[in-house]
Amino acid sequence: TDYGDVRTRAAATEVGATAFVVKENLEELRT
């Protein structure tokens, strides 16, 4: 996502997301 704020990250955790990457850091997907 474009949004790396605390609320968005918390919402991702609530829905069961395993990980979170901000679009400006797509290279993190490789790691």
PDB file of all heavy atoms in Angstrom:
ATOM      1  N   THR A   1       0.808  -1.216   0.000  1.00  0.00           N
ATOM      2  CA  THR A   1       0.000   0.000   0.000  1.00  0.00           C
ATOM      3  C   THR A   1       0.839   1.263   0.000  1.00  0.00           C
ATOM      4  O   THR A   1       2.039   1.216   0.270  1.00  0.00           O
ATOM      5  CB  THR A   1      -0.939  -0.005   1.232  1.00  0.00           C
ATOM      6  OG1 THR A   1      -1.771   1.153   1.206  1.00  0.00           O
ATOM      7  CG2 THR A   1      -0.154  -0.031   2.522  1.00  0.00           C
ATOM      8  N   ASP A   2       0.176   2.378  -0.280  1.00  0.00           N
ATOM      9  CA  ASP A   2       0.811   3.691  -0.201  1.00  0.00           C
ATOM     10  C   ASP A   2       0.873   4.197   1.227  1.00  0.00           C
ATOM     11  O   ASP A   2       1.573   5.159   1.517  1.00  0.00           O
ATOM     12  CB  ASP A   2       0.024   4.720  -1.029  1.00  0.00           C
ATOM     13  CG  ASP A   2       0.170   4.498  -2.520  1.00  0.00           C
ATOM     14  OD1 ASP A   2       1.280   4.192  -2.973  1.00  0.00           O
ATOM     15  OD2 ASP A   2      -0.839   4.627  -3.248  1.00  0.00           O
ATOM     16  N   TYR A   3       0.110   3.595   2.119  1.00  0.00           N
ATOM     17  CA  TYR A   3      -0.077   4.121   3.462  1.00  0.00           C
ATOM     18  C   TYR A   3       0.691   3.296   4.496  1.00  0.00           C
ATOM     19  O   TYR A   3       0.367   2.149   4.742  1.00  0.00           O
ATOM     20  CB  TYR A   3      -1.564   4.139   3.808  1.00  0.00           C
ATOM     21  CG  TYR A   3      -2.376   4.794   2.712  1.00  0.00           C
ATOM     22  CD1 TYR A   3      -3.068   4.029   1.783  1.00  0.00           C
ATOM     23  CD2 TYR A   3      -2.401   6.182   2.585  1.00  0.00           C
ATOM     24  CE1 TYR A   3      -3.791   4.639   0.765  1.00  0.00           C
ATOM     25  CE2 TYR A   3      -3.111   6.790   1.562  1.00  0.00           C
ATOM     26  CZ  TYR A   3      -3.804   6.014   0.656  1.00  0.00           C
ATOM     27  OH  TYR A   3      -4.501   6.615  -0.364  1.00  0.00           O
ATOM     28  N   GLY A   4       1.686   3.902   5.117  1.00  0.00           N
ATOM     29  CA  GLY A   4       2.498   3.189   6.093  1.00  0.00           C
ATOM     30  C   GLY A   4       2.234   3.596   7.530  1.00  0.00           C
ATOM     31  O   GLY A   4       3.018   3.281   8.412  1.00  0.00           O
ATOM     32  N   ASP A   5       1.119   4.272   7.764  1.00  0.00           N
ATOM     33  CA  ASP A   5       0.831   4.769   9.109  1.00  0.00           C
ATOM     34  C   ASP A   5       0.447   3.634  10.060  1.00  0.00           C
ATOM     35  O   ASP A   5       0.132   2.524   9.645  1.00  0.00           O
ATOM     36  CB  ASP A   5      -0.283   5.822   9.062  1.00  0.00           C
ATOM     37  CG  ASP A   5      -1.556   5.265   8.483  1.00  0.00           C
ATOM     38  OD1 ASP A   5      -1.681   5.249   7.234  1.00  0.00           O
ATOM     39  OD2 ASP A   5      -2.426   4.817   9.260  1.00  0.00           O
ATOM     40  N   VAL A   6       0.461   3.955  11.334  1.00  0.00           N
ATOM     41  CA  VAL A   6       0.212   2.968  12.383  1.00  0.00           C
ATOM     42  C   VAL A   6      -1.197   2.366  12.271  1.00  0.00           C
ATOM     43  O   VAL A   6      -1.372   1.159  12.435  1.00  0.00           O
ATOM     44  CB  VAL A   6       0.428   3.610  13.782  1.00  0.00           C
ATOM     45  CG1 VAL A   6       0.012   2.671  14.888  1.00  0.00           C
ATOM     46  CG2 VAL A   6       1.868   4.030  13.941  1.00  0.00           C
ATOM     47  N   ARG A   7      -2.200   3.176  11.985  1.00  0.00           N
ATOM     48  CA  ARG A   7      -3.580   2.671  11.880  1.00  0.00           C
ATOM     49  C   ARG A   7      -3.722   1.665  10.736  1.00  0.00           C
ATOM     50  O   ARG A   7      -4.391   0.648  10.879  1.00  0.00           O
ATOM     51  CB  ARG A   7      -4.565   3.822  11.693  1.00  0.00           C
ATOM     52  CG  ARG A   7      -4.788   4.627  12.959  1.00  0.00           C
ATOM     53  CD  ARG A   7      -5.805   5.718  12.776  1.00  0.00           C
ATOM     54  NE  ARG A   7      -7.081   5.164  12.341  1.00  0.00           N
ATOM     55  CZ  ARG A   7      -8.016   5.859  11.726  1.00  0.00           C
ATOM     56  NH1 ARG A   7      -7.853   7.124  11.469  1.00  0.00           N
ATOM     57  NH2 ARG A   7      -9.150   5.270  11.370  1.00  0.00           N
ATOM     58  N   THR A   8      -3.108   1.967   9.606  1.00  0.00           N
ATOM     59  CA  THR A   8      -3.196   1.054   8.461  1.00  0.00           C
ATOM     60  C   THR A   8      -2.479  -0.255   8.760  1.00  0.00           C
ATOM     61  O   THR A   8      -2.979  -1.339   8.449  1.00  0.00           O
ATOM     62  CB  THR A   8      -2.609   1.713   7.195  1.00  0.00           C
ATOM     63  OG1 THR A   8      -3.283   2.963   6.970  1.00  0.00           O
ATOM     64  CG2 THR A   8      -2.779   0.834   5.979  1.00  0.00           C
ATOM     65  N   ARG A   9      -1.324  -0.171   9.388  1.00  0.00           N
ATOM     66  CA  ARG A   9      -0.590  -1.384   9.766  1.00  0.00           C
ATOM     67  C   ARG A   9      -1.382  -2.220  10.765  1.00  0.00           C
ATOM     68  O   ARG A   9      -1.437  -3.448  10.661  1.00  0.00           O
ATOM     69  CB  ARG A   9       0.784  -1.028  10.336  1.00  0.00           C
ATOM     70  CG  ARG A   9       1.749  -0.527   9.290  1.00  0.00           C
ATOM     71  CD  ARG A   9       3.080  -0.099   9.911  1.00  0.00           C
ATOM     72  NE  ARG A   9       3.978   0.434   8.914  1.00  0.00           N
ATOM     73  CZ  ARG A   9       4.844  -0.276   8.196  1.00  0.00           C
ATOM     74  NH1 ARG A   9       4.943  -1.577   8.382  1.00  0.00           N
ATOM     75  NH2 ARG A   9       5.612   0.293   7.310  1.00  0.00           N
ATOM     76  N   ALA A  10      -2.039  -1.556  11.711  1.00  0.00           N
ATOM     77  CA  ALA A  10      -2.855  -2.271  12.701  1.00  0.00           C
ATOM     78  C   ALA A  10      -4.044  -2.946  12.021  1.00  0.00           C
ATOM     79  O   ALA A  10      -4.382  -4.092  12.341  1.00  0.00           O
ATOM     80  CB  ALA A  10      -3.329  -1.314  13.792  1.00  0.00           C
ATOM     81  N   ALA A  11      -4.660  -2.262  11.081  1.00  0.00           N
ATOM     82  CA  ALA A  11      -5.795  -2.846  10.353  1.00  0.00           C
ATOM     83  C   ALA A  11      -5.346  -4.061   9.548  1.00  0.00           C
ATOM     84  O   ALA A  11      -6.066  -5.058   9.465  1.00  0.00           O
ATOM     85  CB  ALA A  11      -6.434  -1.795   9.442  1.00  0.00           C
ATOM     86  N   ALA A  12      -4.156  -3.994   8.967  1.00  0.00           N
ATOM     87  CA  ALA A  12      -3.620  -5.139   8.216  1.00  0.00           C
ATOM     88  C   ALA A  12      -3.431  -6.339   9.136  1.00  0.00           C
ATOM     89  O   ALA A  12      -3.771  -7.473   8.775  1.00  0.00           O
ATOM     90  CB  ALA A  12      -2.302  -4.751   7.550  1.00  0.00           C
ATOM     91  N   THR A  13      -2.921  -6.094  10.322  1.00  0.00           N
ATOM     92  CA  THR A  13      -2.744  -7.168  11.299  1.00  0.00           C
ATOM     93  C   THR A  13      -4.094  -7.757  11.707  1.00  0.00           C
ATOM     94  O   THR A  13      -4.229  -8.978  11.817  1.00  0.00           O
ATOM     95  CB  THR A  13      -1.989  -6.640  12.537  1.00  0.00           C
ATOM     96  OG1 THR A  13      -0.720  -6.146  12.112  1.00  0.00           O
ATOM     97  CG2 THR A  13      -1.788  -7.729  13.568  1.00  0.00           C
ATOM     98  N   GLU A  14      -5.073  -6.912  11.886  1.00  0.00           N
ATOM     99  CA  GLU A  14      -6.410  -7.363  12.290  1.00  0.00           C
ATOM    100  C   GLU A  14      -7.052  -8.293  11.270  1.00  0.00           C
ATOM    101  O   GLU A  14      -7.793  -9.203  11.646  1.00  0.00           O
ATOM    102  CB  GLU A  14      -7.332  -6.167  12.530  1.00  0.00           C
ATOM    103  CG  GLU A  14      -7.022  -5.403  13.790  1.00  0.00           C
ATOM    104  CD  GLU A  14      -7.874  -4.157  13.933  1.00  0.00           C
ATOM    105  OE1 GLU A  14      -8.950  -4.070  13.301  1.00  0.00           O
ATOM    106  OE2 GLU A  14      -7.458  -3.257  14.684  1.00  0.00           O
ATOM    107  N   VAL A  15      -6.796  -8.073   9.980  1.00  0.00           N
ATOM    108  CA  VAL A  15      -7.396  -8.940   8.957  1.00  0.00           C
ATOM    109  C   VAL A  15      -6.552 -10.180   8.694  1.00  0.00           C
ATOM    110  O   VAL A  15      -6.891 -11.001   7.852  1.00  0.00           O
ATOM    111  CB  VAL A  15      -7.688  -8.187   7.635  1.00  0.00           C
ATOM    112  CG1 VAL A  15      -8.653  -7.046   7.872  1.00  0.00           C
ATOM    113  CG2 VAL A  15      -6.417  -7.730   6.942  1.00  0.00           C
ATOM    114  N   GLY A  16      -5.435 -10.300   9.402  1.00  0.00           N
ATOM    115  CA  GLY A  16      -4.623 -11.512   9.283  1.00  0.00           C
ATOM    116  C   GLY A  16      -3.473 -11.438   8.305  1.00  0.00           C
ATOM    117  O   GLY A  16      -2.902 -12.468   7.937  1.00  0.00           O
ATOM    118  N   ALA A  17      -3.108 -10.236   7.880  1.00  0.00           N
ATOM    119  CA  ALA A  17      -1.976 -10.115   6.962  1.00  0.00           C
ATOM    120  C   ALA A  17      -0.703 -10.624   7.624  1.00  0.00           C
ATOM    121  O   ALA A  17      -0.470 -10.398   8.805  1.00  0.00           O
ATOM    122  CB  ALA A  17      -1.804  -8.668   6.515  1.00  0.00           C
ATOM    123  N   THR A  18       0.094 -11.313   6.855  1.00  0.00           N
ATOM    124  CA  THR A  18       1.359 -11.861   7.315  1.00  0.00           C
ATOM    125  C   THR A  18       2.452 -10.800   7.289  1.00  0.00           C
ATOM    126  O   THR A  18       3.378 -10.839   8.090  1.00  0.00           O
ATOM    127  CB  THR A  18       1.779 -13.037   6.396  1.00  0.00           C
ATOM    128  OG1 THR A  18       0.686 -13.944   6.303  1.00  0.00           O
ATOM    129  CG2 THR A  18       2.998 -13.753   6.905  1.00  0.00           C
ATOM    130  N   ALA A  19       2.347  -9.862   6.332  1.00  0.00           N
ATOM    131  CA  ALA A  19       3.393  -8.859   6.141  1.00  0.00           C
ATOM    132  C   ALA A  19       2.784  -7.578   5.598  1.00  0.00           C
ATOM    133  O   ALA A  19       1.615  -7.542   5.205  1.00  0.00           O
ATOM    134  CB  ALA A  19       4.462  -9.405   5.194  1.00  0.00           C
ATOM    135  N   PHE A  20       3.612  -6.543   5.541  1.00  0.00           N
ATOM    136  CA  PHE A  20       3.176  -5.213   5.141  1.00  0.00           C
ATOM    137  C   PHE A  20       4.337  -4.530   4.438  1.00  0.00           C
ATOM    138  O   PHE A  20       5.444  -4.466   4.987  1.00  0.00           O
ATOM    139  CB  PHE A  20       2.781  -4.438   6.396  1.00  0.00           C
ATOM    140  CG  PHE A  20       2.105  -3.122   6.149  1.00  0.00           C
ATOM    141  CD1 PHE A  20       0.727  -3.028   6.184  1.00  0.00           C
ATOM    142  CD2 PHE A  20       2.848  -1.972   5.910  1.00  0.00           C
ATOM    143  CE1 PHE A  20       0.094  -1.810   5.981  1.00  0.00           C
ATOM    144  CE2 PHE A  20       2.225  -0.762   5.706  1.00  0.00           C
ATOM    145  CZ  PHE A  20       0.845  -0.673   5.741  1.00  0.00           C
ATOM    146  N   VAL A  21       4.112  -4.015   3.219  1.00  0.00           N
ATOM    147  CA  VAL A  21       5.153  -3.307   2.475  1.00  0.00           C
ATOM    148  C   VAL A  21       4.540  -2.032   1.898  1.00  0.00           C
ATOM    149  O   VAL A  21       3.456  -2.067   1.313  1.00  0.00           O
ATOM    150  CB  VAL A  21       5.732  -4.185   1.334  1.00  0.00           C
ATOM    151  CG1 VAL A  21       6.642  -3.383   0.422  1.00  0.00           C
ATOM    152  CG2 VAL A  21       6.477  -5.387   1.907  1.00  0.00           C
ATOM    153  N   VAL A  22       5.243  -0.924   2.069  1.00  0.00           N
ATOM    154  CA  VAL A  22       4.822   0.339   1.478  1.00  0.00           C
ATOM    155  C   VAL A  22       5.315   0.362   0.030  1.00  0.00           C
ATOM    156  O   VAL A  22       6.444  -0.038  -0.261  1.00  0.00           O
ATOM    157  CB  VAL A  22       5.391   1.531   2.284  1.00  0.00           C
ATOM    158  CG1 VAL A  22       4.989   2.855   1.649  1.00  0.00           C
ATOM    159  CG2 VAL A  22       4.915   1.464   3.727  1.00  0.00           C
ATOM    160  N   LYS A  23       4.452   0.833  -0.883  1.00  0.00           N
ATOM    161  CA  LYS A  23       4.759   0.768  -2.313  1.00  0.00           C
ATOM    162  C   LYS A  23       6.057   1.469  -2.699  1.00  0.00           C
ATOM    163  O   LYS A  23       6.711   1.055  -3.654  1.00  0.00           O
ATOM    164  CB  LYS A  23       3.593   1.329  -3.134  1.00  0.00           C
ATOM    165  CG  LYS A  23       2.400   0.406  -3.140  1.00  0.00           C
ATOM    166  CD  LYS A  23       1.257   0.992  -3.922  1.00  0.00           C
ATOM    167  CE  LYS A  23       0.059   0.046  -3.895  1.00  0.00           C
ATOM    168  NZ  LYS A  23      -1.113   0.652  -4.551  1.00  0.00           N
ATOM    169  N   GLU A  24       6.446   2.488  -1.977  1.00  0.00           N
ATOM    170  CA  GLU A  24       7.695   3.167  -2.314  1.00  0.00           C
ATOM    171  C   GLU A  24       8.914   2.301  -1.988  1.00  0.00           C
ATOM    172  O   GLU A  24      10.029   2.622  -2.394  1.00  0.00           O
ATOM    173  CB  GLU A  24       7.798   4.511  -1.612  1.00  0.00           C
ATOM    174  CG  GLU A  24       7.899   4.428  -0.113  1.00  0.00           C
ATOM    175  CD  GLU A  24       7.856   5.799   0.545  1.00  0.00           C
ATOM    176  OE1 GLU A  24       7.207   6.698   0.020  1.00  0.00           O
ATOM    177  OE2 GLU A  24       8.489   5.938   1.601  1.00  0.00           O
ATOM    178  N   ASN A  25       8.699   1.178  -1.309  1.00  0.00           N
ATOM    179  CA  ASN A  25       9.775   0.256  -0.942  1.00  0.00           C
ATOM    180  C   ASN A  25       9.526  -1.142  -1.504  1.00  0.00           C
ATOM    181  O   ASN A  25       9.720  -2.138  -0.804  1.00  0.00           O
ATOM    182  CB  ASN A  25       9.909   0.181   0.584  1.00  0.00           C
ATOM    183  CG  ASN A  25      10.207   1.518   1.207  1.00  0.00           C
ATOM    184  OD1 ASN A  25      10.974   2.305   0.662  1.00  0.00           O
ATOM    185  ND2 ASN A  25       9.594   1.794   2.338  1.00  0.00           N
ATOM    186  N   LEU A  26       9.134  -1.241  -2.749  1.00  0.00           N
ATOM    187  CA  LEU A  26       8.780  -2.539  -3.335  1.00  0.00           C
ATOM    188  C   LEU A  26       9.911  -3.566  -3.258  1.00  0.00           C
ATOM    189  O   LEU A  26       9.647  -4.759  -3.201  1.00  0.00           O
ATOM    190  CB  LEU A  26       8.338  -2.381  -4.789  1.00  0.00           C
ATOM    191  CG  LEU A  26       6.965  -1.771  -5.018  1.00  0.00           C
ATOM    192  CD1 LEU A  26       6.671  -1.682  -6.509  1.00  0.00           C
ATOM    193  CD2 LEU A  26       5.874  -2.561  -4.299  1.00  0.00           C
ATOM    194  N   GLU A  27      11.152  -3.117  -3.240  1.00  0.00           N
ATOM    195  CA  GLU A  27      12.271  -4.061  -3.157  1.00  0.00           C
ATOM    196  C   GLU A  27      12.200  -4.903  -1.885  1.00  0.00           C
ATOM    197  O   GLU A  27      12.750  -5.995  -1.832  1.00  0.00           O
ATOM    198  CB  GLU A  27      13.612  -3.338  -3.255  1.00  0.00           C
ATOM    199  CG  GLU A  27      13.966  -2.921  -4.671  1.00  0.00           C
ATOM    200  CD  GLU A  27      14.109  -4.099  -5.625  1.00  0.00           C
ATOM    201  OE1 GLU A  27      14.756  -5.103  -5.265  1.00  0.00           O
ATOM    202  OE2 GLU A  27      13.575  -4.018  -6.741  1.00  0.00           O
ATOM    203  N   GLU A  28      11.507  -4.412  -0.848  1.00  0.00           N
ATOM    204  CA  GLU A  28      11.338  -5.187   0.378  1.00  0.00           C
ATOM    205  C   GLU A  28      10.592  -6.492   0.100  1.00  0.00           C
ATOM    206  O   GLU A  28      10.727  -7.454   0.862  1.00  0.00           O
ATOM    207  CB  GLU A  28      10.585  -4.379   1.436  1.00  0.00           C
ATOM    208  CG  GLU A  28      11.393  -3.257   2.019  1.00  0.00           C
ATOM    209  CD  GLU A  28      10.630  -2.457   3.066  1.00  0.00           C
ATOM    210  OE1 GLU A  28       9.538  -2.882   3.494  1.00  0.00           O
ATOM    211  OE2 GLU A  28      11.136  -1.392   3.452  1.00  0.00           O
ATOM    212  N   LEU A  29       9.800  -6.521  -0.971  1.00  0.00           N
ATOM    213  CA  LEU A  29       9.088  -7.759  -1.319  1.00  0.00           C
ATOM    214  C   LEU A  29      10.070  -8.885  -1.583  1.00  0.00           C
ATOM    215  O   LEU A  29       9.828 -10.028  -1.208  1.00  0.00           O
ATOM    216  CB  LEU A  29       8.196  -7.545  -2.549  1.00  0.00           C
ATOM    217  CG  LEU A  29       6.975  -6.675  -2.345  1.00  0.00           C
ATOM    218  CD1 LEU A  29       6.302  -6.381  -3.683  1.00  0.00           C
ATOM    219  CD2 LEU A  29       5.999  -7.344  -1.386  1.00  0.00           C
ATOM    220  N   ARG A  30      11.161  -8.575  -2.215  1.00  0.00           N
ATOM    221  CA  ARG A  30      12.160  -9.611  -2.519  1.00  0.00           C
ATOM    222  C   ARG A  30      12.726 -10.207  -1.236  1.00  0.00           C
ATOM    223  O   ARG A  30      12.885 -11.415  -1.120  1.00  0.00           O
ATOM    224  CB  ARG A  30      13.263  -9.032  -3.389  1.00  0.00           C
ATOM    225  CG  ARG A  30      12.742  -8.548  -4.743  1.00  0.00           C
ATOM    226  CD  ARG A  30      13.833  -7.963  -5.597  1.00  0.00           C
ATOM    227  NE  ARG A  30      14.810  -8.960  -5.955  1.00  0.00           N
ATOM    228  CZ  ARG A  30      14.664  -9.897  -6.896  1.00  0.00           C
ATOM    229  NH1 ARG A  30      13.538  -9.959  -7.574  1.00  0.00           N
ATOM    230  NH2 ARG A  30      15.620 -10.757  -7.156  1.00  0.00           N
ATOM    231  N   THR A  31      13.031  -9.359  -0.257  1.00  0.00           N
ATOM    232  CA  THR A  31      13.545  -9.839   1.026  1.00  0.00           C
ATOM    233  C   THR A  31      12.493 -10.684   1.734  1.00  0.00           C
ATOM    234  O   THR A  31      12.808 -11.723   2.317  1.00  0.00           O
ATOM    235  CB  THR A  31      13.943  -8.646   1.917  1.00  0.00           C
ATOM    236  OG1 THR A  31      14.910  -7.860   1.210  1.00  0.00           O
ATOM    237  CG2 THR A  31      14.532  -9.109   3.230  1.00  0.00           C
TER     238      THR A  31
END
